[in-house]
Amino acid sequence: MVQRRTAWQWVLAVLVLAAGLGVLPVAPAGAASNGSWSVYPTTLPGGTPRVVFSPQLTPGETVDDSVTVSNISASSLTFDLYAADAFNTPGGGLSLRRRIDPIEGIGAWIRLAHSSVIVPSHASVAIPFVIVVPADATPGDHVGGIVAEETTGTPSSIGSVPINVVQAVGVRVLGRVRGPLVARVAARSPDVAIRRSTASLFGASTDAVVTVRVENHGNVVLTPVAHLKVTGAFGTGATRTFSVGPLLPGESVTRRYTVSVRAIGNLEAQVNVAAKGTHSSATTSQWAMPWGLVAIVVVILVLSVLTLVRWRRRRHRDEPDPSPGSDLVDDGSEEAGAEVVGEPTDSADGDGTKTTAGRADQNPDAED
C-alpha cells in the first residue's frame, strides 16, 4: 500500500506540472508514435525511460503504473483510452485489438483511471492504471497494450465515398506471470510451389515458393528463426535464413519464402524453425520437370531410332541374292562311289533259277 500511494502522489504531481507549466516531457527513443501524438510508459522518479511495460505479475496481486500521452500537434486533441489484447497479424507482426473487440487476456486485467483525456497542444498527460492479476492466472507471458484513439478522426474518401479515418496509437504491455515457463515451437503444413516460366521449361533457374505455418505451443513469447533448404536433382538447391518475428503464446503465423532453384526432378524443401530452448522441422517435396528439355530429348531419340531403322533396311536391300545350290551342305560323307556291302541273299528268277547276290567287289574269277 505504501508503494501505491507514492506512485499515485507522483502521478498527480506530474499532472499538475504539465497543466500549470505546459512542459512537454521528451518521449523516449522508440516510443509508439504516429507523428501527431505518442504513447509510452511514464518515467518514474529516478527511473529509466521505458518504451514498453514489462511487469512481473503474481496471481492474486496488483501492480500500479502510469501511461503518458504526448500531443505533438499544434491543436488540442481528445482521446479515448482503452486496454486491449495483442495478437499476431497474418504477416507475423504484432497488433492490438480494436476498442469494440472483446478482451479476454491481460487487456481485461488493466484498469485505467480515465477512459478519455484531453491533451493540449505540445503537452503531455500521465494517466495512472492498475493491473489486477486474477488468482487463477496461468504462468507465462500475457501480452496486451494501452491505446490512445482520437475521437474526431480525419475526413477522407475512397473514390467517391467519403470516410472518416480514426487513428490510434498503442503502447505494449508485456506481462509475465510467475511460474513454470515452457518454450515450444512447431513447424506445420509445409508446401512448395514452382513458378513456371518459359526458361524453366528448358532447365533454367526459377522461383520456388515454400510455405510453412509456425505455431507457438508454449507459454512464452518466441522469436523464431527459420532455416530453409531446397534441394533438387544432383544435389543442386538453395538455402536461406529468415526471421519469423515475435510469436505470442497460442498464436500461429504462415510464412512464405522464395528461393531460386533449377526445376529438375524431385525438389525437397526442409524448414527448420528454432527459438530459444526449442526447435522443430518439416519437410515437403514437389516433382518438377523441364518439359521443354524433355520434349527435345524425346524428339532426338525418335529421330535416332528412325534413322537406324532406315539404315538397316537399306543395308538389307543392297545385299546380293544367294546363288542356286548354295543351300546344299557338304557333310563330308562319301556316299557317291562308296562300297556297297550287304549280306548275300537268294532269290529265284522267273524261270526258277536261283540267283545269289553278294559283294559288289566279288572276284571275277569265281565260277559261275
Protein backbone atom coordinates (compact mmCIF):
# COMPACT_ATOMS: atom_id res chain seq x y z
CA MET A 1 0.00 0.00 0.00
CA VAL A 2 2.89 2.40 0.69
CA GLN A 3 4.26 1.93 -2.83
CA ARG A 4 0.84 2.50 -4.36
CA ARG A 5 0.34 5.85 -2.51
CA THR A 6 3.80 7.02 -3.52
CA ALA A 7 3.18 6.26 -7.20
CA TRP A 8 -0.21 7.96 -7.23
CA GLN A 9 1.13 11.04 -5.49
CA TRP A 10 3.90 11.33 -8.06
CA VAL A 11 1.45 10.93 -10.96
CA LEU A 12 -0.73 13.71 -9.58
CA ALA A 13 2.33 15.92 -9.32
CA VAL A 14 3.13 15.28 -12.98
CA LEU A 15 -0.42 16.19 -13.97
CA VAL A 16 -0.22 19.45 -12.04
CA LEU A 17 3.15 20.37 -13.54
CA ALA A 18 2.05 19.50 -17.08
CA ALA A 19 -1.13 21.58 -16.79
CA GLY A 20 0.40 24.51 -14.92
CA LEU A 21 3.76 24.81 -16.69
CA GLY A 22 2.88 23.37 -20.10
CA VAL A 23 6.05 21.28 -20.04
CA LEU A 24 6.27 18.55 -22.69
CA PRO A 25 8.31 15.59 -21.42
CA VAL A 26 10.62 14.12 -24.07
CA ALA A 27 9.36 10.77 -25.34
CA PRO A 28 11.98 8.01 -25.15
CA ALA A 29 13.54 6.87 -28.41
CA GLY A 30 11.43 4.17 -30.00
CA ALA A 31 8.21 5.22 -28.30
CA ALA A 32 4.99 4.43 -30.15
CA SER A 33 4.02 7.48 -32.23
CA ASN A 34 2.25 8.48 -35.44
CA GLY A 35 3.81 11.93 -35.74
CA SER A 36 0.91 13.72 -34.03
CA TRP A 37 0.93 12.05 -30.60
CA SER A 38 2.97 9.49 -28.68
CA VAL A 39 2.04 6.91 -26.06
CA TYR A 40 4.69 5.48 -23.74
CA PRO A 41 5.28 4.40 -20.12
CA THR A 42 5.60 7.27 -17.68
CA THR A 43 9.14 7.58 -16.36
CA LEU A 44 9.07 7.28 -12.59
CA PRO A 45 11.38 9.47 -10.43
CA GLY A 46 14.89 8.13 -10.66
CA GLY A 47 13.79 5.51 -13.16
CA THR A 48 14.99 4.69 -16.65
CA PRO A 49 12.87 5.75 -19.66
CA ARG A 50 10.87 2.83 -21.00
CA VAL A 51 9.36 2.03 -24.39
CA VAL A 52 7.07 -0.82 -23.28
CA PHE A 53 5.65 -2.06 -19.99
CA SER A 54 7.25 -5.28 -18.72
CA PRO A 55 5.67 -6.02 -15.33
CA GLN A 56 6.39 -9.15 -13.34
CA LEU A 57 2.99 -10.42 -12.19
CA THR A 58 1.85 -12.65 -9.36
CA PRO A 59 -1.59 -14.30 -9.34
CA GLY A 60 -3.97 -12.52 -6.98
CA GLU A 61 -1.85 -9.33 -6.68
CA THR A 62 -1.95 -5.89 -8.28
CA VAL A 63 0.64 -3.67 -9.97
CA ASP A 64 0.40 0.15 -10.27
CA ASP A 65 1.86 2.12 -13.15
CA SER A 66 1.18 5.11 -15.39
CA VAL A 67 1.00 5.77 -19.15
CA THR A 68 1.83 9.12 -20.78
CA VAL A 69 0.11 10.61 -23.84
CA SER A 70 2.05 13.42 -25.54
CA ASN A 71 0.39 15.73 -28.07
CA ILE A 72 2.97 16.78 -30.65
CA SER A 73 0.46 18.57 -32.91
CA ALA A 74 -0.45 22.28 -33.00
CA SER A 75 -4.01 21.75 -31.70
CA SER A 76 -5.66 20.23 -28.66
CA LEU A 77 -6.64 16.57 -29.05
CA THR A 78 -9.20 14.40 -27.29
CA PHE A 79 -8.55 10.69 -26.92
CA ASP A 80 -10.46 7.59 -25.93
CA LEU A 81 -8.28 5.37 -23.72
CA TYR A 82 -8.67 1.62 -23.51
CA ALA A 83 -6.72 -1.55 -22.80
CA ALA A 84 -6.60 -4.34 -25.38
CA ASP A 85 -5.19 -7.81 -26.01
CA ALA A 86 -2.40 -8.33 -28.52
CA PHE A 87 -2.44 -10.76 -31.42
CA ASN A 88 -0.24 -11.86 -34.31
CA THR A 89 -1.17 -10.48 -37.72
CA PRO A 90 -1.13 -12.83 -40.75
CA GLY A 91 2.19 -11.31 -41.79
CA GLY A 92 3.77 -12.17 -38.45
CA GLY A 93 3.68 -8.75 -36.78
CA LEU A 94 2.02 -7.75 -33.50
CA SER A 95 -1.11 -5.63 -33.22
CA LEU A 96 -3.71 -4.66 -30.62
CA ARG A 97 -7.41 -5.38 -30.74
CA ARG A 98 -9.89 -2.61 -31.52
CA ARG A 99 -11.87 -0.82 -28.85
CA ILE A 100 -15.05 -2.67 -29.90
CA ASP A 101 -13.40 -6.11 -29.78
CA PRO A 102 -13.90 -8.35 -26.74
CA ILE A 103 -10.99 -8.63 -24.31
CA GLU A 104 -10.12 -11.90 -22.60
CA GLY A 105 -6.45 -11.68 -21.66
CA ILE A 106 -4.31 -9.07 -19.96
CA GLY A 107 -6.43 -6.34 -21.54
CA ALA A 108 -9.17 -7.29 -19.08
CA TRP A 109 -6.73 -7.00 -16.13
CA ILE A 110 -5.78 -3.37 -16.82
CA ARG A 111 -7.92 -0.72 -15.07
CA LEU A 112 -7.32 2.81 -16.35
CA ALA A 113 -8.07 5.78 -14.11
CA HIS A 114 -9.72 7.56 -17.07
CA SER A 115 -11.44 6.33 -20.21
CA SER A 116 -10.82 9.59 -22.08
CA VAL A 117 -8.42 12.50 -21.85
CA ILE A 118 -7.91 15.94 -23.43
CA VAL A 119 -4.28 16.77 -24.16
CA PRO A 120 -3.42 20.39 -25.04
CA SER A 121 -1.10 21.20 -27.92
CA HIS A 122 2.54 20.43 -27.17
CA ALA A 123 1.66 18.99 -23.77
CA SER A 124 1.57 15.62 -22.06
CA VAL A 125 -0.77 13.92 -19.64
CA ALA A 126 0.03 10.92 -17.43
CA ILE A 127 -2.83 8.51 -16.76
CA PRO A 128 -2.43 6.07 -13.86
CA PHE A 129 -3.64 2.49 -14.12
CA VAL A 130 -3.54 -0.72 -12.14
CA ILE A 131 -3.09 -4.31 -13.30
CA VAL A 132 -5.32 -6.66 -11.29
CA VAL A 133 -3.93 -10.17 -11.77
CA PRO A 134 -6.55 -12.94 -11.39
CA ALA A 135 -5.83 -15.58 -8.78
CA ASP A 136 -6.06 -18.28 -11.47
CA ALA A 137 -3.81 -16.52 -13.97
CA THR A 138 -1.69 -19.04 -15.86
CA PRO A 139 2.12 -18.79 -15.78
CA GLY A 140 3.91 -17.31 -18.75
CA ASP A 141 3.69 -14.26 -20.99
CA HIS A 142 0.49 -12.25 -21.37
CA VAL A 143 0.68 -9.51 -24.00
CA GLY A 144 -1.62 -6.55 -24.49
CA GLY A 145 -1.44 -2.80 -24.64
CA ILE A 146 -2.92 0.61 -23.79
CA VAL A 147 -4.32 2.60 -26.70
CA ALA A 148 -4.99 6.32 -27.20
CA GLU A 149 -7.53 6.67 -30.03
CA GLU A 150 -8.57 10.07 -31.42
CA THR A 151 -12.29 10.83 -31.12
CA THR A 152 -12.86 13.08 -34.14
CA GLY A 153 -10.93 11.42 -36.93
CA THR A 154 -9.80 12.84 -40.25
CA PRO A 155 -12.18 13.18 -43.25
CA SER A 156 -11.05 11.24 -46.31
CA SER A 157 -12.53 9.28 -49.18
CA ILE A 158 -12.23 6.03 -51.09
CA GLY A 159 -13.04 7.01 -54.63
CA SER A 160 -16.28 8.97 -54.36
CA VAL A 161 -17.21 7.51 -50.97
CA PRO A 162 -16.46 9.83 -48.03
CA ILE A 163 -14.98 8.14 -44.95
CA ASN A 164 -13.68 9.22 -41.55
CA VAL A 165 -10.21 7.87 -40.71
CA VAL A 166 -9.70 7.35 -36.97
CA GLN A 167 -6.11 6.84 -35.87
CA ALA A 168 -4.90 5.12 -32.74
CA VAL A 169 -1.51 4.63 -31.09
CA GLY A 170 -0.83 1.96 -28.51
CA VAL A 171 1.98 1.00 -26.16
CA ARG A 172 2.63 -2.66 -25.43
CA VAL A 173 2.23 -4.34 -22.05
CA LEU A 174 4.39 -7.49 -21.88
CA GLY A 175 3.32 -9.05 -18.59
CA ARG A 176 4.84 -12.25 -17.28
CA VAL A 177 3.04 -14.27 -14.61
CA ARG A 178 5.41 -16.10 -12.32
CA GLY A 179 5.51 -19.88 -12.64
CA PRO A 180 6.92 -22.62 -14.90
CA LEU A 181 7.87 -21.37 -18.35
CA VAL A 182 7.58 -23.58 -21.43
CA ALA A 183 9.08 -22.80 -24.84
CA ARG A 184 7.70 -24.96 -27.64
CA VAL A 185 7.62 -24.13 -31.35
CA ALA A 186 6.15 -26.26 -34.14
CA ALA A 187 6.51 -26.16 -37.93
CA ARG A 188 3.36 -27.39 -39.67
CA SER A 189 1.81 -27.83 -43.14
CA PRO A 190 4.85 -27.23 -45.36
CA ASP A 191 4.26 -26.77 -49.08
CA VAL A 192 6.40 -25.92 -52.10
CA ALA A 193 5.14 -24.43 -55.38
CA ILE A 194 7.10 -23.82 -58.58
CA ARG A 195 6.64 -20.60 -60.52
CA ARG A 196 6.82 -21.79 -64.11
CA SER A 197 8.48 -19.71 -66.80
CA THR A 198 9.46 -20.32 -70.41
CA ALA A 199 13.13 -20.52 -69.49
CA SER A 200 12.44 -23.03 -66.69
CA LEU A 201 10.89 -25.42 -69.25
CA PHE A 202 14.37 -25.81 -70.68
CA GLY A 203 16.25 -26.26 -67.40
CA ALA A 204 16.86 -22.63 -66.40
CA SER A 205 16.50 -21.47 -62.77
CA THR A 206 13.07 -20.48 -61.49
CA ASP A 207 11.44 -19.44 -58.20
CA ALA A 208 10.23 -21.99 -55.65
CA VAL A 209 7.77 -20.63 -53.05
CA VAL A 210 7.90 -22.52 -49.75
CA THR A 211 5.01 -22.07 -47.31
CA VAL A 212 5.05 -23.17 -43.68
CA ARG A 213 2.89 -22.47 -40.62
CA VAL A 214 4.80 -21.74 -37.41
CA GLU A 215 2.93 -22.32 -34.15
CA ASN A 216 3.73 -21.39 -30.55
CA HIS A 217 2.61 -24.21 -28.27
CA GLY A 218 4.36 -22.85 -25.18
CA ASN A 219 3.56 -20.05 -22.73
CA VAL A 220 6.32 -17.55 -23.58
CA VAL A 221 6.79 -15.15 -26.48
CA LEU A 222 9.15 -16.63 -29.07
CA THR A 223 11.28 -15.01 -31.76
CA PRO A 224 11.88 -17.99 -34.06
CA VAL A 225 14.36 -18.11 -36.92
CA ALA A 226 13.59 -20.31 -39.93
CA HIS A 227 16.35 -22.10 -41.85
CA LEU A 228 15.14 -23.13 -45.32
CA LYS A 229 16.88 -25.64 -47.58
CA VAL A 230 15.59 -26.59 -51.03
CA THR A 231 17.38 -29.49 -52.77
CA GLY A 232 16.84 -30.59 -56.35
CA ALA A 233 18.32 -33.21 -58.66
CA PHE A 234 22.07 -33.80 -58.50
CA GLY A 235 22.19 -32.06 -55.11
CA THR A 236 21.53 -28.60 -56.52
CA GLY A 237 19.44 -26.20 -54.48
CA ALA A 238 19.43 -23.15 -52.24
CA THR A 239 19.49 -22.25 -48.55
CA ARG A 240 18.05 -19.21 -46.80
CA THR A 241 17.61 -17.96 -43.22
CA PHE A 242 14.59 -15.85 -42.24
CA SER A 243 13.27 -14.27 -39.05
CA VAL A 244 9.72 -15.25 -38.19
CA GLY A 245 9.27 -12.37 -35.72
CA PRO A 246 7.63 -12.25 -32.26
CA LEU A 247 5.17 -15.11 -31.86
CA LEU A 248 2.71 -14.93 -28.98
CA PRO A 249 1.71 -17.98 -26.92
CA GLY A 250 -1.11 -19.89 -28.60
CA GLU A 251 -0.69 -17.95 -31.85
CA SER A 252 0.49 -19.08 -35.29
CA VAL A 253 1.67 -17.36 -38.44
CA THR A 254 2.00 -18.60 -42.01
CA ARG A 255 5.18 -17.52 -43.75
CA ARG A 256 6.16 -17.75 -47.40
CA TYR A 257 9.76 -17.80 -48.59
CA THR A 258 11.01 -17.61 -52.18
CA VAL A 259 14.27 -19.17 -53.39
CA SER A 260 15.76 -19.64 -56.85
CA VAL A 261 16.28 -23.26 -57.94
CA ARG A 262 16.51 -25.43 -61.06
CA ALA A 263 13.21 -27.24 -61.55
CA ILE A 264 14.68 -30.64 -62.41
CA GLY A 265 13.44 -33.83 -60.78
CA ASN A 266 12.17 -34.04 -57.24
CA LEU A 267 12.51 -30.79 -55.27
CA GLU A 268 12.65 -31.31 -51.49
CA ALA A 269 12.10 -28.38 -49.14
CA GLN A 270 13.13 -28.68 -45.49
CA VAL A 271 12.24 -25.97 -42.97
CA ASN A 272 13.96 -25.92 -39.57
CA VAL A 273 12.48 -23.43 -37.09
CA ALA A 274 14.43 -22.67 -33.93
CA ALA A 275 13.87 -20.38 -30.96
CA LYS A 276 15.44 -20.16 -27.54
CA GLY A 277 15.06 -23.57 -25.93
CA THR A 278 13.02 -25.17 -28.74
CA HIS A 279 13.13 -26.22 -32.37
CA SER A 280 11.02 -28.03 -34.96
CA SER A 281 11.32 -29.11 -38.59
CA ALA A 282 9.06 -30.01 -41.50
CA THR A 283 9.75 -31.42 -44.97
CA THR A 284 7.81 -31.46 -48.22
CA SER A 285 8.58 -32.19 -51.86
CA GLN A 286 7.36 -31.33 -55.34
CA TRP A 287 8.09 -33.11 -58.61
CA ALA A 288 9.25 -30.67 -61.28
CA MET A 289 10.44 -31.39 -64.81
CA PRO A 290 11.78 -29.11 -67.59
CA TRP A 291 9.22 -30.43 -70.08
CA GLY A 292 10.65 -28.40 -72.96
CA LEU A 293 14.03 -30.06 -72.45
CA VAL A 294 12.37 -33.45 -72.09
CA ALA A 295 10.49 -32.92 -75.39
CA ILE A 296 13.75 -32.10 -77.19
CA VAL A 297 15.39 -35.27 -75.84
CA VAL A 298 12.39 -37.39 -76.90
CA VAL A 299 12.45 -35.94 -80.42
CA ILE A 300 16.18 -36.64 -80.71
CA LEU A 301 15.66 -40.25 -79.58
CA VAL A 302 12.78 -40.80 -82.01
CA LEU A 303 14.78 -39.39 -84.92
CA SER A 304 17.76 -41.57 -83.97
CA VAL A 305 15.61 -44.72 -83.92
CA LEU A 306 14.01 -43.88 -87.27
CA THR A 307 17.43 -43.22 -88.82
CA LEU A 308 18.75 -46.55 -87.56
CA VAL A 309 15.73 -48.44 -88.91
CA ARG A 310 16.07 -46.85 -92.36
CA TRP A 311 19.80 -47.61 -92.45
CA ARG A 312 19.26 -51.27 -91.64
CA ARG A 313 16.53 -51.62 -94.27
CA ARG A 314 18.74 -50.01 -96.91
CA ARG A 315 21.64 -52.27 -96.00
CA HIS A 316 19.44 -55.36 -96.28
CA ARG A 317 18.13 -54.23 -99.68
CA ASP A 318 21.66 -53.70 -101.06
CA GLU A 319 22.91 -57.22 -100.19
CA PRO A 320 23.22 -59.73 -103.28
CA ASP A 321 20.78 -62.66 -103.64
CA PRO A 322 22.20 -66.09 -102.72
CA SER A 323 23.34 -68.44 -105.77
CA PRO A 324 21.41 -71.69 -106.69
CA GLY A 325 22.50 -74.70 -104.76
CA SER A 326 24.27 -72.64 -102.21
CA ASP A 327 21.99 -74.04 -99.66
CA LEU A 328 23.42 -77.59 -100.13
CA VAL A 329 25.54 -78.68 -97.28
CA ASP A 330 28.66 -80.91 -97.70
CA ASP A 331 28.69 -83.06 -94.64
CA GLY A 332 31.86 -84.90 -95.65
CA SER A 333 30.12 -88.20 -96.48
CA GLU A 334 31.43 -90.38 -99.35
CA GLU A 335 28.18 -91.92 -100.49
CA ALA A 336 28.97 -91.48 -104.18
CA GLY A 337 31.12 -94.46 -105.37
CA ALA A 338 31.23 -95.97 -101.94
CA GLU A 339 31.31 -99.70 -101.46
CA VAL A 340 28.01 -101.38 -101.01
CA VAL A 341 28.29 -104.11 -98.54
CA GLY A 342 25.44 -106.39 -97.86
CA GLU A 343 24.53 -109.85 -96.82
CA PRO A 344 24.10 -112.45 -99.59
CA THR A 345 20.50 -113.01 -100.48
CA ASP A 346 18.93 -115.74 -102.52
CA SER A 347 16.19 -115.01 -104.96
CA ALA A 348 14.51 -117.06 -107.65
CA ASP A 349 14.17 -115.80 -111.18
CA GLY A 350 11.10 -116.22 -113.09
CA ASP A 351 12.47 -119.47 -114.60
CA GLY A 352 13.19 -120.98 -111.23
CA THR A 353 16.92 -120.30 -111.37
CA LYS A 354 18.34 -119.28 -108.09
CA THR A 355 20.41 -116.10 -108.09
CA THR A 356 22.86 -115.18 -105.39
CA ALA A 357 23.65 -111.52 -104.69
CA GLY A 358 26.78 -110.69 -102.79
CA ARG A 359 29.52 -108.12 -102.51
CA ALA A 360 29.90 -105.66 -105.37
CA ASP A 361 33.64 -106.33 -105.49
CA GLN A 362 33.19 -110.12 -105.88
CA ASN A 363 36.14 -111.88 -107.51
CA PRO A 364 35.52 -112.06 -111.28
CA ASP A 365 37.44 -115.31 -111.49
CA ALA A 366 34.93 -117.16 -109.39
CA GLU A 367 32.96 -119.89 -111.07
CA ASP A 368 29.53 -119.15 -112.35
